[in-house]
Amino acid sequence: MKNYYYFLGVAENASEEDIKKAYRKLSLKYHPDKNPGDEFFENRFREIQEAYEMLNDKEKRRIYDDNLGHQQRSYRPNLPPVIKSFTTNKVRVQKGEEVIISWQTINADIVKVLPFGLEKGYGEKTIRITEFKNGQFQLLLHVTNSLLNKTLVQQITITEVFENTENQNREEAEKLVSPQQAQKAETQNPSKASRITIAIIFLIIAAMLLAKVLFGIEI
């Protein structure tokens, strides 16, 4: 049985106004027009609408609350919640790239994969990350045993990478090497002034040798 209160992110004793505010906020956030072609947003938007239609009707909500309470009483594990696994197939991705999330839990009656919301105790989800905050995207797995009032949380951080990262690294490396190359080239190729100085010295020496031969001048 779906927990519509968790779909809307409100408490089970939420007022009609609280339910309406939550619905308006989430329907704007997950509207398919903002993320066309993204199956996750389409499914999430349908869940939000389904939850609102149920909880906004007084008689439907009364019947739903009775059934939900019965289910919660019949399934309440008395052992602490456990996260057996929480993984992604990638932790470094480009914006818009797909990532596969998988998880498995036991002894939990409330399981959330944030920022996406309520999920089953185990499963797999394919997402497309379109927004990063400071180059990172945080995934959180919340598992709760409401009978024991115990919650476990595990986090995965996905880092954004760029298409031109390799080119940027190469350019930075070339900048670091360039001054050394320039210095080496200067050492191997003396300047014009240095060549002139050497030539003048050779001319002076030649003139002194010639004077010694012709006039017997001692050097």
Protein backbone atom coordinates (compact mmCIF):
# COMPACT_ATOMS: atom_id res chain seq x y z
CA MET A 1 0.00 0.00 0.00
CA LYS A 2 1.39 3.39 -1.00
CA ASN A 3 1.98 5.98 1.69
CA TYR A 4 0.60 9.15 0.13
CA TYR A 5 1.66 11.28 3.07
CA TYR A 6 5.29 10.52 2.32
CA PHE A 7 4.74 11.22 -1.38
CA LEU A 8 3.69 14.74 -0.42
CA GLY A 9 6.19 15.04 2.42
CA VAL A 10 3.58 15.81 5.09
CA ALA A 11 2.63 14.25 8.41
CA GLU A 12 -0.32 11.88 8.66
CA ASN A 13 -2.22 14.48 10.70
CA ALA A 14 -1.52 17.28 8.20
CA SER A 15 -4.26 19.83 7.64
CA GLU A 16 -6.02 20.30 4.31
CA GLU A 17 -4.09 23.54 3.82
CA ASP A 18 -0.75 21.81 4.47
CA ILE A 19 -1.62 19.15 1.91
CA LYS A 20 -2.56 21.77 -0.69
CA LYS A 21 0.67 23.73 -0.12
CA ALA A 22 2.79 20.59 -0.40
CA TYR A 23 1.00 19.55 -3.60
CA ARG A 24 1.49 22.95 -5.26
CA LYS A 25 5.17 23.04 -4.36
CA LEU A 26 5.96 19.49 -5.52
CA SER A 27 3.86 19.65 -8.68
CA LEU A 28 5.85 22.69 -9.80
CA LYS A 29 9.16 21.05 -8.92
CA TYR A 30 8.47 17.76 -10.70
CA HIS A 31 6.34 18.94 -13.60
CA PRO A 32 7.38 17.03 -16.77
CA ASP A 33 7.55 20.27 -18.77
CA LYS A 34 10.66 21.22 -16.79
CA ASN A 35 12.34 17.93 -17.66
CA PRO A 36 10.81 16.69 -20.95
CA GLY A 37 11.42 13.04 -21.75
CA ASP A 38 12.60 12.20 -18.22
CA GLU A 39 10.64 9.14 -17.04
CA PHE A 40 11.48 9.71 -13.38
CA PHE A 41 9.88 13.17 -13.29
CA GLU A 42 6.81 11.89 -15.14
CA ASN A 43 6.34 9.04 -12.62
CA ARG A 44 6.98 11.30 -9.64
CA PHE A 45 4.47 13.86 -10.94
CA ARG A 46 1.81 11.13 -11.32
CA GLU A 47 2.46 9.94 -7.75
CA ILE A 48 2.03 13.47 -6.43
CA GLN A 49 -1.25 13.90 -8.29
CA GLU A 50 -2.49 10.51 -7.12
CA ALA A 51 -1.65 11.34 -3.50
CA TYR A 52 -3.38 14.72 -3.67
CA GLU A 53 -6.54 13.29 -5.20
CA MET A 54 -6.75 10.76 -2.37
CA LEU A 55 -5.92 13.05 0.56
CA ASN A 56 -7.82 16.09 -0.65
CA ASP A 57 -11.12 14.20 -0.56
CA LYS A 58 -12.37 13.85 3.04
CA GLU A 59 -14.19 10.55 2.60
CA LYS A 60 -11.41 8.98 0.52
CA ARG A 61 -8.86 10.13 3.09
CA ARG A 62 -10.86 8.62 5.98
CA ILE A 63 -11.00 5.21 4.30
CA TYR A 64 -7.37 5.46 3.29
CA ASP A 65 -6.27 6.34 6.84
CA ASP A 66 -8.08 3.29 8.21
CA ASN A 67 -6.40 0.97 5.72
CA LEU A 68 -2.99 2.59 6.24
CA GLY A 69 -3.26 2.25 10.01
CA HIS A 70 -4.17 -1.43 9.70
CA GLN A 71 -1.20 -2.07 7.43
CA GLN A 72 1.20 -0.28 9.74
CA ARG A 73 -0.01 -2.27 12.73
CA SER A 74 0.27 -5.58 10.87
CA TYR A 75 3.82 -4.97 9.63
CA ARG A 76 6.16 -3.53 12.21
CA PRO A 77 9.53 -5.37 12.37
CA ASN A 78 10.98 -5.34 15.90
CA LEU A 79 14.62 -5.46 14.78
CA PRO A 80 16.81 -2.43 14.00
CA PRO A 81 16.88 -1.32 10.35
CA VAL A 82 19.82 -2.48 8.21
CA ILE A 83 21.26 -1.13 4.95
CA LYS A 84 22.64 -4.16 3.15
CA SER A 85 23.76 -2.20 0.09
CA PHE A 86 23.53 1.26 -1.45
CA THR A 87 25.52 1.75 -4.66
CA THR A 88 25.72 3.59 -7.98
CA ASN A 89 27.36 2.45 -11.18
CA LYS A 90 29.24 5.77 -11.45
CA VAL A 91 30.50 8.42 -9.05
CA ARG A 92 31.98 10.82 -11.66
CA VAL A 93 29.58 11.95 -14.39
CA GLN A 94 28.89 14.76 -16.81
CA LYS A 95 25.74 16.87 -16.54
CA GLY A 96 22.81 15.05 -18.12
CA GLU A 97 24.46 11.63 -17.88
CA GLU A 98 22.47 8.68 -16.56
CA VAL A 99 23.30 7.00 -13.25
CA ILE A 100 21.90 3.71 -11.92
CA ILE A 101 21.16 3.61 -8.17
CA SER A 102 20.52 0.33 -6.37
CA TRP A 103 19.74 -0.39 -2.71
CA GLN A 104 18.70 -3.19 -0.39
CA THR A 105 17.44 -2.86 3.18
CA ILE A 106 15.81 -5.02 5.83
CA ASN A 107 13.72 -4.39 8.95
CA ALA A 108 12.59 -0.97 7.71
CA ASP A 109 9.01 0.12 7.13
CA ILE A 110 9.98 3.55 5.76
CA VAL A 111 12.64 3.80 3.05
CA LYS A 112 13.56 7.01 1.23
CA VAL A 113 16.10 7.70 -1.48
CA LEU A 114 16.64 11.44 -1.37
CA PRO A 115 16.11 13.74 -3.14
CA PHE A 116 13.59 11.44 -4.85
CA GLY A 117 11.37 10.36 -1.98
CA LEU A 118 9.72 7.21 -0.68
CA GLU A 119 10.81 3.87 -2.16
CA LYS A 120 10.47 0.15 -1.53
CA GLY A 121 12.88 -1.66 0.77
CA TYR A 122 14.97 -2.73 -2.22
CA GLY A 123 15.17 -1.65 -5.81
CA GLU A 124 16.99 0.02 -8.67
CA LYS A 125 16.44 3.42 -10.25
CA THR A 126 17.94 5.11 -13.30
CA ILE A 127 18.29 8.87 -12.96
CA ARG A 128 19.69 11.67 -15.09
CA ILE A 129 21.53 14.35 -13.14
CA THR A 130 20.92 17.79 -14.62
CA GLU A 131 21.96 19.99 -11.70
CA PHE A 132 25.01 19.92 -9.43
CA LYS A 133 25.71 22.03 -6.36
CA ASN A 134 29.34 23.11 -6.11
CA GLY A 135 30.22 20.32 -8.52
CA GLN A 136 28.53 17.60 -6.46
CA PHE A 137 25.23 15.73 -6.27
CA GLN A 138 24.27 14.09 -2.97
CA LEU A 139 22.26 10.88 -2.70
CA LEU A 140 20.92 9.84 0.70
CA LEU A 141 19.32 6.55 1.71
CA HIS A 142 17.10 6.91 4.79
CA VAL A 143 15.79 3.70 6.36
CA THR A 144 13.52 3.82 9.41
CA ASN A 145 11.91 1.34 11.75
CA SER A 146 9.04 3.44 13.06
CA LEU A 147 8.19 0.92 15.79
CA LEU A 148 11.67 1.25 17.31
CA ASN A 149 11.99 4.88 16.20
CA LYS A 150 15.42 4.13 14.70
CA THR A 151 16.82 5.52 11.45
CA LEU A 152 19.96 4.80 9.45
CA VAL A 153 21.35 7.12 6.80
CA GLN A 154 23.95 6.40 4.11
CA GLN A 155 25.31 8.89 1.60
CA ILE A 156 26.81 8.73 -1.88
CA THR A 157 28.48 11.77 -3.43
CA ILE A 158 28.55 12.02 -7.23
CA THR A 159 31.10 14.45 -8.68
CA GLU A 160 30.60 16.46 -11.86
CA VAL A 161 33.19 16.13 -14.63
CA PHE A 162 33.48 18.20 -17.80
CA GLU A 163 34.04 17.26 -21.44
CA ASN A 164 37.09 19.52 -21.74
CA THR A 165 38.70 18.42 -18.46
CA GLU A 166 41.43 16.56 -20.33
CA ASN A 167 42.22 19.59 -22.51
CA GLN A 168 42.29 21.86 -19.46
CA ASN A 169 44.71 19.56 -17.67
CA ARG A 170 46.95 19.43 -20.74
CA GLU A 171 47.01 23.23 -21.06
CA GLU A 172 47.86 23.63 -17.39
CA ALA A 173 50.68 21.13 -17.72
CA GLU A 174 52.04 22.96 -20.75
CA LYS A 175 51.99 26.24 -18.83
CA LEU A 176 54.01 24.68 -16.03
CA VAL A 177 56.57 23.25 -18.45
CA SER A 178 56.86 26.29 -20.73
CA PRO A 179 59.07 28.48 -18.47
CA GLN A 180 61.57 25.62 -18.13
CA GLN A 181 61.57 25.08 -21.87
CA ALA A 182 62.15 28.78 -22.47
CA GLN A 183 65.05 28.83 -20.05
CA LYS A 184 66.54 25.74 -21.71
CA ALA A 185 66.20 27.29 -25.16
CA GLU A 186 67.89 30.49 -23.97
CA THR A 187 70.79 28.43 -22.61
CA GLN A 188 71.20 26.50 -25.86
CA ASN A 189 70.88 29.61 -28.08
CA PRO A 190 72.99 32.55 -26.83
CA SER A 191 71.59 36.00 -27.43
CA LYS A 192 72.75 38.25 -30.26
CA ALA A 193 74.65 40.53 -27.84
CA SER A 194 76.57 37.54 -26.47
CA ARG A 195 77.63 36.48 -29.98
CA ILE A 196 78.87 40.00 -30.80
CA THR A 197 80.92 40.14 -27.60
CA ILE A 198 82.57 36.82 -28.37
CA ALA A 199 83.39 37.99 -31.94
CA ILE A 200 85.03 41.21 -30.66
CA ILE A 201 87.20 39.22 -28.24
CA PHE A 202 88.36 36.97 -31.06
CA LEU A 203 89.20 40.04 -33.22
CA ILE A 204 91.26 41.60 -30.42
CA ILE A 205 93.20 38.39 -29.92
CA ALA A 206 93.82 38.08 -33.67
CA ALA A 207 95.03 41.70 -33.87
CA MET A 208 97.45 41.17 -30.99
CA LEU A 209 98.86 38.04 -32.60
CA LEU A 210 99.30 39.86 -35.90
CA ALA A 211 101.12 42.76 -34.20
CA LYS A 212 103.48 40.32 -32.54
CA VAL A 213 104.34 38.71 -35.87
CA LEU A 214 104.82 41.97 -37.79
CA PHE A 215 106.40 44.24 -35.20
CA GLY A 216 107.71 41.86 -32.59
CA ILE A 217 105.49 43.37 -29.91
CA GLU A 218 105.36 41.26 -26.85
CA ILE A 219 101.90 40.43 -25.63
